[in-house]
N, C-alpha and C. Protein backbone atom coordinates (compact mmCIF):
# COMPACT_ATOMS: atom_id res chain seq x y z
N MET A 1 1.17 -1.58 -0.45
CA MET A 1 0.07 0.17 -0.09
C MET A 1 0.72 1.50 0.15
N TRP A 2 1.89 1.36 0.77
CA TRP A 2 2.74 2.35 0.91
C TRP A 2 3.60 2.68 0.24
N TYR A 3 3.75 1.87 -0.97
CA TYR A 3 4.58 1.51 -2.03
C TYR A 3 4.17 2.50 -3.23
N GLY A 4 2.67 2.41 -3.19
CA GLY A 4 2.13 3.67 -4.36
C GLY A 4 2.06 4.44 -3.90
N TYR A 5 2.21 4.87 -2.63
CA TYR A 5 2.71 6.84 -2.47
C TYR A 5 3.68 7.21 -2.42
N LEU A 6 4.49 6.26 -2.36
CA LEU A 6 6.30 6.01 -2.18
C LEU A 6 6.81 7.01 -3.68
N ALA A 7 5.89 5.83 -4.68
CA ALA A 7 6.04 6.06 -6.13
C ALA A 7 4.92 7.64 -6.56
N ASP A 8 3.99 7.78 -5.97
CA ASP A 8 3.75 9.13 -6.49
C ASP A 8 4.40 10.45 -5.83
N PHE A 9 5.14 9.85 -4.64
CA PHE A 9 6.23 11.00 -4.02
C PHE A 9 7.34 10.99 -5.14
N VAL A 10 7.64 10.11 -5.74
CA VAL A 10 8.96 9.82 -6.44
C VAL A 10 8.65 10.77 -7.85
N VAL A 11 7.56 10.77 -8.19
CA VAL A 11 6.97 11.40 -9.18
C VAL A 11 6.68 13.04 -8.90
N PHE A 12 6.70 13.35 -8.18
CA PHE A 12 6.39 14.37 -7.50
C PHE A 12 8.19 15.02 -7.79
N ILE A 13 8.88 14.37 -7.04
CA ILE A 13 10.40 14.93 -6.87
C ILE A 13 10.93 14.59 -8.51
N HIS A 14 10.37 14.05 -9.15
CA HIS A 14 10.80 13.90 -10.98
C HIS A 14 9.79 15.67 -11.49
N VAL A 15 8.75 15.99 -10.96
CA VAL A 15 8.28 17.10 -11.65
C VAL A 15 9.15 18.22 -11.28
N LEU A 16 9.45 18.10 -9.81
CA LEU A 16 9.89 19.02 -9.15
C LEU A 16 11.54 19.37 -10.18
N TYR A 17 12.03 18.40 -10.28
CA TYR A 17 13.54 18.06 -11.15
C TYR A 17 13.26 19.12 -12.65
N VAL A 18 12.05 18.53 -13.03
CA VAL A 18 11.94 19.23 -14.16
C VAL A 18 11.64 20.74 -14.37
N GLY A 19 10.60 20.80 -13.37
CA GLY A 19 10.20 22.41 -13.06
C GLY A 19 11.10 23.48 -12.75
N TYR A 20 12.95 22.40 -12.55
CA TYR A 20 13.60 23.32 -11.85
C TYR A 20 14.23 24.07 -13.28
N VAL A 21 14.39 22.85 -14.00
CA VAL A 21 15.52 23.18 -15.45
C VAL A 21 14.16 24.14 -16.35
N VAL A 22 13.12 23.65 -16.59
CA VAL A 22 12.03 24.61 -17.42
C VAL A 22 11.96 25.91 -16.44
N VAL A 23 11.53 26.19 -15.32
CA VAL A 23 10.52 27.23 -14.62
C VAL A 23 12.42 27.73 -14.76
N GLY A 24 13.35 27.68 -13.97
CA GLY A 24 14.63 28.22 -13.65
C GLY A 24 14.86 29.01 -15.04
N GLN A 25 14.99 28.10 -16.61
CA GLN A 25 15.65 28.77 -17.68
C GLN A 25 14.70 29.84 -17.94
N LEU A 26 13.38 29.92 -17.66
CA LEU A 26 12.39 31.08 -18.09
C LEU A 26 12.42 32.44 -17.00
N ALA A 27 13.25 31.76 -15.64
CA ALA A 27 13.58 32.99 -14.86
C ALA A 27 14.69 33.39 -15.23
N ILE A 28 15.98 32.33 -15.60
CA ILE A 28 17.18 33.46 -16.11
C ILE A 28 16.72 34.43 -17.14
N ILE A 29 16.16 34.31 -18.03
CA ILE A 29 15.62 34.99 -19.60
C ILE A 29 15.24 35.55 -18.82
N VAL A 30 13.89 36.36 -18.56
CA VAL A 30 13.40 36.91 -17.29
C VAL A 30 14.15 38.01 -16.96
N GLY A 31 15.16 37.46 -16.00
CA GLY A 31 16.14 37.92 -14.78
C GLY A 31 16.85 38.70 -15.87
N ALA A 32 17.68 38.14 -17.07
CA ALA A 32 18.74 38.62 -17.56
C ALA A 32 18.48 39.95 -18.35
N GLY A 33 16.82 39.94 -18.84
CA GLY A 33 16.44 40.70 -19.33
C GLY A 33 16.22 41.96 -18.87
N LEU A 34 15.61 41.78 -17.33
CA LEU A 34 15.42 42.90 -16.37
C LEU A 34 16.83 43.43 -15.62
N LYS A 35 17.42 42.74 -15.92
CA LYS A 35 18.85 42.70 -15.22
C LYS A 35 19.13 42.45 -13.79
N ARG A 36 18.40 41.48 -13.76
CA ARG A 36 18.53 41.18 -12.00
C ARG A 36 19.95 40.10 -11.34
N GLN A 37 20.09 40.57 -10.27
CA GLN A 37 21.19 40.03 -10.34
C GLN A 37 21.28 38.64 -9.51
N TRP A 38 20.51 38.46 -9.02
CA TRP A 38 20.02 36.41 -8.80
C TRP A 38 20.31 35.80 -9.98
N ALA A 39 19.98 36.66 -11.26
CA ALA A 39 19.95 35.47 -12.52
C ALA A 39 21.32 34.94 -12.61
N ARG A 40 22.23 35.72 -12.52
CA ARG A 40 23.43 35.63 -12.32
C ARG A 40 24.29 34.83 -11.22
N ASN A 41 23.26 34.39 -10.11
CA ASN A 41 23.98 33.81 -9.07
C ASN A 41 24.80 32.49 -9.53
N PRO A 42 26.26 32.39 -9.54
CA PRO A 42 27.09 31.15 -9.83
C PRO A 42 26.38 29.44 -9.51
N TRP A 43 25.81 29.79 -7.95
CA TRP A 43 25.07 28.37 -7.48
C TRP A 43 24.11 28.14 -7.84
N PHE A 44 23.18 28.93 -8.68
CA PHE A 44 21.78 28.75 -9.41
C PHE A 44 22.38 28.27 -10.43
N ARG A 45 23.25 29.37 -11.39
CA ARG A 45 23.26 29.10 -12.77
C ARG A 45 24.50 27.22 -13.00
N PHE A 46 25.67 26.96 -12.42
CA PHE A 46 25.92 25.95 -12.41
C PHE A 46 25.12 24.79 -12.36
N SER A 47 24.62 24.83 -11.18
CA SER A 47 23.39 23.58 -10.79
C SER A 47 22.23 22.89 -11.72
N HIS A 48 21.81 24.69 -12.46
CA HIS A 48 20.63 24.55 -13.31
C HIS A 48 21.53 23.68 -14.56
N LEU A 49 22.83 24.33 -14.87
CA LEU A 49 23.19 23.57 -16.07
C LEU A 49 23.43 22.25 -15.60
N MET A 50 23.83 21.76 -14.65
CA MET A 50 24.31 20.64 -14.34
C MET A 50 22.98 19.61 -13.95
N ALA A 51 21.97 19.79 -13.87
CA ALA A 51 20.86 19.64 -13.61
C ALA A 51 20.04 18.86 -15.55
N ILE A 52 20.44 19.68 -16.11
CA ILE A 52 19.78 19.06 -17.57
C ILE A 52 21.39 18.82 -18.51
N ALA A 53 22.53 19.02 -17.72
CA ALA A 53 23.69 18.23 -18.61
C ALA A 53 23.49 16.58 -18.23
N ILE A 54 22.66 16.52 -16.99
CA ILE A 54 22.68 14.93 -16.57
C ILE A 54 21.49 14.22 -17.76
N VAL A 55 20.43 15.17 -17.84
CA VAL A 55 19.33 14.37 -18.44
C VAL A 55 19.88 14.32 -19.90
N ALA A 56 20.34 15.62 -20.31
CA ALA A 56 20.97 14.91 -21.50
C ALA A 56 21.80 14.40 -22.31
N TRP A 57 22.56 14.07 -20.86
CA TRP A 57 23.90 13.12 -21.52
C TRP A 57 23.18 11.57 -21.46
N GLU A 58 22.34 11.58 -20.45
CA GLU A 58 21.28 10.00 -20.47
C GLU A 58 20.55 9.92 -21.96
N ALA A 59 20.08 10.94 -22.72
CA ALA A 59 19.58 11.01 -23.49
C ALA A 59 20.68 10.76 -24.85
N LEU A 60 21.88 11.20 -24.84
CA LEU A 60 22.25 10.95 -26.05
C LEU A 60 23.04 9.49 -25.98
N ASN A 61 23.11 8.95 -24.64
CA ASN A 61 23.72 7.85 -24.31
C ASN A 61 22.82 6.81 -24.11
N ASP A 62 21.09 6.90 -24.33
CA ASP A 62 20.00 5.62 -24.03
C ASP A 62 19.98 5.43 -22.94
N ILE A 63 20.70 5.77 -21.80
CA ILE A 63 20.50 5.59 -20.55
C ILE A 63 18.77 5.96 -19.63
N ARG A 64 18.29 5.45 -19.11
CA ARG A 64 16.95 5.89 -18.75
C ARG A 64 16.88 6.27 -17.48
N CYS A 65 15.97 7.15 -17.15
CA CYS A 65 15.96 8.19 -16.21
C CYS A 65 15.79 7.27 -15.01
N PRO A 66 17.05 7.59 -14.25
CA PRO A 66 16.91 6.98 -12.95
C PRO A 66 15.90 7.01 -11.86
N ILE A 67 15.53 8.13 -11.84
CA ILE A 67 13.63 8.24 -11.06
C ILE A 67 13.08 7.50 -11.84
N THR A 68 12.54 7.32 -12.67
CA THR A 68 11.87 7.02 -13.71
C THR A 68 11.85 5.68 -13.15
N ILE A 69 13.11 4.84 -13.23
CA ILE A 69 13.27 3.17 -12.64
C ILE A 69 12.84 2.99 -11.21
N TRP A 70 13.01 4.01 -10.25
CA TRP A 70 12.81 4.26 -9.17
C TRP A 70 11.51 4.55 -9.01
N GLU A 71 10.91 4.84 -9.52
CA GLU A 71 9.50 5.09 -9.47
C GLU A 71 8.52 3.67 -10.08
N GLU A 72 9.20 3.15 -11.38
CA GLU A 72 8.63 2.00 -11.78
C GLU A 72 9.01 0.57 -10.72
N LYS A 73 9.57 0.47 -10.10
CA LYS A 73 10.10 -0.28 -9.33
C LYS A 73 9.13 -0.13 -7.92
N LEU A 74 9.32 1.06 -7.25
CA LEU A 74 7.87 1.23 -6.06
C LEU A 74 6.39 0.49 -6.73
N ARG A 75 6.11 1.11 -8.04
CA ARG A 75 5.03 0.97 -8.24
C ARG A 75 4.74 -0.63 -8.82
N ALA A 76 5.51 -1.50 -9.40
CA ALA A 76 5.42 -2.84 -9.31
C ALA A 76 5.53 -3.55 -7.72
N LEU A 77 6.19 -3.02 -6.90
CA LEU A 77 6.27 -3.39 -5.46
C LEU A 77 4.51 -3.46 -4.69
N ALA A 78 4.03 -2.04 -5.44
CA ALA A 78 2.37 -2.07 -4.83
C ALA A 78 1.38 -2.29 -5.99
N GLY A 79 2.06 -3.52 -6.49
CA GLY A 79 1.19 -3.87 -7.67
C GLY A 79 0.78 -2.93 -8.63
N GLN A 80 1.10 -1.62 -9.05
CA GLN A 80 0.27 -1.20 -9.93
C GLN A 80 0.98 -1.06 -11.45
N ASP A 81 0.26 -0.50 -12.21
CA ASP A 81 0.79 -0.26 -13.65
C ASP A 81 1.66 1.11 -13.33
N MET A 82 2.27 0.95 -14.42
CA MET A 82 3.00 1.87 -14.48
C MET A 82 2.56 3.30 -14.86
N ASN A 83 1.54 3.00 -15.34
CA ASN A 83 0.83 4.37 -16.11
C ASN A 83 -0.29 5.18 -15.09
N VAL A 84 -0.19 4.13 -13.99
CA VAL A 84 -1.48 4.83 -12.96
C VAL A 84 -0.76 4.67 -11.77
N GLY A 85 -1.50 6.18 -10.91
CA GLY A 85 -0.64 6.35 -10.00
C GLY A 85 -1.44 5.97 -8.71
N GLN A 86 -1.13 6.10 -7.49
CA GLN A 86 -1.76 6.10 -6.63
C GLN A 86 -2.68 6.76 -6.17
N SER A 87 -2.43 8.22 -6.05
CA SER A 87 -3.45 9.08 -5.75
C SER A 87 -3.89 10.00 -6.59
N PHE A 88 -4.51 11.03 -6.89
CA PHE A 88 -4.87 11.99 -7.88
C PHE A 88 -3.56 12.70 -8.18
N MET A 89 -2.92 13.36 -7.34
CA MET A 89 -1.97 14.04 -7.94
C MET A 89 -1.02 13.08 -8.45
N GLY A 90 -0.66 11.70 -7.92
CA GLY A 90 0.20 10.96 -8.33
C GLY A 90 -0.16 10.90 -9.62
N ARG A 91 -1.12 10.49 -10.16
CA ARG A 91 -1.76 10.20 -11.60
C ARG A 91 -1.37 11.65 -12.12
N MET A 92 -1.70 12.88 -11.72
CA MET A 92 -1.72 13.93 -12.33
C MET A 92 -0.41 14.45 -12.11
N PHE A 93 0.72 13.99 -11.43
CA PHE A 93 2.07 14.42 -12.02
C PHE A 93 2.58 13.55 -13.26
N HIS A 94 2.27 12.24 -12.89
CA HIS A 94 3.17 10.81 -13.86
C HIS A 94 2.21 11.23 -15.11
N ASP A 95 1.04 12.09 -15.57
CA ASP A 95 0.96 12.32 -16.75
C ASP A 95 1.16 13.55 -17.33
N LEU A 96 1.98 14.46 -16.18
CA LEU A 96 2.40 15.62 -16.42
C LEU A 96 3.89 15.34 -17.23
N LEU A 97 4.21 13.92 -16.63
CA LEU A 97 5.67 14.36 -17.25
C LEU A 97 5.74 12.99 -18.24
N PHE A 98 4.83 12.09 -18.43
CA PHE A 98 5.03 10.62 -19.43
C PHE A 98 3.52 10.91 -20.20
N TRP A 99 3.91 10.85 -21.61
CA TRP A 99 2.56 11.12 -22.83
C TRP A 99 2.97 9.58 -23.22
N ASN A 100 1.26 9.29 -23.46
CA ASN A 100 1.63 8.01 -24.31
C ASN A 100 1.44 8.54 -25.93
N ASP A 101 2.08 7.19 -26.61
CA ASP A 101 2.18 7.12 -27.93
C ASP A 101 2.58 8.69 -28.40
N VAL A 102 3.90 9.00 -27.88
CA VAL A 102 4.93 9.88 -27.72
C VAL A 102 6.55 8.91 -28.50
N PRO A 103 6.95 9.25 -29.20
CA PRO A 103 8.26 8.27 -29.45
C PRO A 103 9.19 8.91 -28.38
N GLU A 104 10.15 7.64 -28.15
CA GLU A 104 11.63 8.41 -27.05
C GLU A 104 11.93 9.58 -27.98
N ILE A 105 12.41 9.66 -29.41
CA ILE A 105 13.09 10.15 -29.70
C ILE A 105 12.68 11.72 -29.76
N PHE A 106 11.77 11.86 -29.66
CA PHE A 106 10.95 13.31 -29.24
C PHE A 106 11.85 13.94 -28.13
N PHE A 107 11.46 13.08 -27.09
CA PHE A 107 11.92 13.58 -25.21
C PHE A 107 13.10 13.71 -25.28
N ASN A 108 14.19 12.71 -25.88
CA ASN A 108 15.39 13.01 -26.31
C ASN A 108 16.33 13.90 -26.99
N THR A 109 15.53 14.40 -28.15
CA THR A 109 15.59 15.56 -28.92
C THR A 109 15.56 17.01 -27.68
N LEU A 110 14.17 16.82 -27.30
CA LEU A 110 14.24 17.99 -26.27
C LEU A 110 15.05 18.09 -24.93
N HIS A 111 15.38 16.73 -25.12
CA HIS A 111 16.25 16.97 -23.64
C HIS A 111 17.93 18.04 -24.11
N VAL A 112 18.27 17.07 -25.21
CA VAL A 112 18.92 17.76 -25.68
C VAL A 112 19.20 19.25 -26.22
N ALA A 113 17.78 19.76 -26.82
CA ALA A 113 18.02 21.40 -27.35
C ALA A 113 17.71 21.95 -26.05
N MET A 114 17.25 21.32 -24.86
CA MET A 114 16.79 22.29 -23.67
C MET A 114 18.53 22.69 -23.04
N PHE A 115 19.30 21.54 -22.90
CA PHE A 115 20.87 21.61 -22.53
C PHE A 115 21.44 22.65 -23.40
N VAL A 116 20.91 22.96 -25.04
CA VAL A 116 21.81 23.94 -25.49
C VAL A 116 21.35 25.28 -25.44
N VAL A 117 19.85 25.02 -24.91
CA VAL A 117 19.48 26.26 -24.47
C VAL A 117 19.98 26.93 -23.49
N VAL A 118 19.98 25.81 -22.75
CA VAL A 118 20.84 26.29 -21.02
C VAL A 118 22.20 27.00 -21.39
N VAL A 119 23.04 26.60 -22.40
CA VAL A 119 24.69 26.78 -22.31
C VAL A 119 24.33 27.97 -22.60
N GLN A 120 23.39 28.20 -24.20
CA GLN A 120 23.52 29.53 -24.65
C GLN A 120 22.96 30.59 -23.80
N GLY A 121 21.90 30.48 -23.15
CA GLY A 121 22.06 31.32 -21.94
C GLY A 121 23.26 31.61 -20.92
N LEU A 122 24.00 30.76 -20.86
CA LEU A 122 25.22 30.72 -19.80
C LEU A 122 26.38 31.56 -20.37
N ILE A 123 26.52 31.39 -21.94
CA ILE A 123 27.38 32.16 -22.34
C ILE A 123 26.56 33.62 -22.44
N MET A 124 25.36 33.79 -23.08
CA MET A 124 24.94 35.34 -23.14
C MET A 124 24.89 35.89 -22.09
N TYR A 125 24.41 35.91 -20.78
CA TYR A 125 23.80 36.12 -19.88
C TYR A 125 24.85 35.16 -18.63
N PRO A 126 26.40 35.23 -18.65
CA PRO A 126 27.18 34.57 -17.54
C PRO A 126 26.84 35.06 -16.45
N PRO A 127 27.03 34.16 -15.48
CA PRO A 127 26.94 34.32 -14.08
C PRO A 127 28.38 35.20 -13.69
N ARG A 128 27.55 36.19 -12.50
CA ARG A 128 29.04 36.75 -11.73
C ARG A 128 29.58 35.92 -10.82
N TRP A 129 31.04 36.34 -10.74
CA TRP A 129 31.88 35.62 -9.52
C TRP A 129 31.69 36.11 -8.74
N PHE A 130 31.97 35.62 -7.65
CA PHE A 130 31.77 35.89 -5.63
C PHE A 130 33.16 36.93 -5.82
N ARG A 131 32.64 38.08 -5.27
CA ARG A 131 33.98 38.99 -4.70
C ARG A 131 34.44 38.79 -3.55
N ARG A 132 35.72 38.54 -3.30
CA ARG A 132 36.63 38.32 -1.99
C ARG A 132 35.84 40.05 -1.40
N TRP A 133 35.28 39.55 0.24
CA TRP A 133 35.57 40.73 1.10
C TRP A 133 36.04 40.99 1.53
N LYS A 134 36.59 42.56 1.29
CA LYS A 134 37.48 43.13 1.67
C LYS A 134 37.38 43.72 3.29
N PRO A 135 37.82 43.65 4.36
CA PRO A 135 37.95 44.42 5.64
C PRO A 135 38.01 46.18 5.32
N THR A 136 37.55 46.97 5.94
CA THR A 136 37.58 48.44 5.45
C THR A 136 38.19 49.10 6.73
N ALA A 137 39.20 49.95 6.48
CA ALA A 137 39.40 50.77 8.35
C ALA A 137 38.41 51.23 8.62
N LEU A 138 38.26 50.95 10.03
CA LEU A 138 36.70 51.88 10.61
C LEU A 138 37.39 53.46 11.29
N ALA A 139 36.73 53.85 10.49
CA ALA A 139 36.92 55.68 11.03
C ALA A 139 36.79 55.68 12.21
N MET A 140 37.42 56.14 13.11
CA MET A 140 37.40 56.83 14.83
C MET A 140 36.47 58.26 14.83
């Protein structure tokens, strides 16, 4: 019983991961246009790049997503079909990520294209590097 809910939680984490990449890139584009400094944060930018780089590498090397495999194993332990979530939210999140009758090459191309967009954004609006704090002499 709990395995189905755990699988729903895993697919929720998967949606958050995808959201970090997609919404993060939209935020970078908007932030760059508005000259916001948070959009140049190197921790954000490089973690964002790594998130999509992992996915693109998996797509290019024909490696299945480990999060999807984890969800499948939990659904199997729950005695559920992979295309059915335990709860309403689980089904909704699953249907958001996994589309029936869409060839895998479509998603692989989408993942690599998103990586190219993220790298392009990194080049056009590079992250700022942290400056060392220099103590100033206090006036007495």
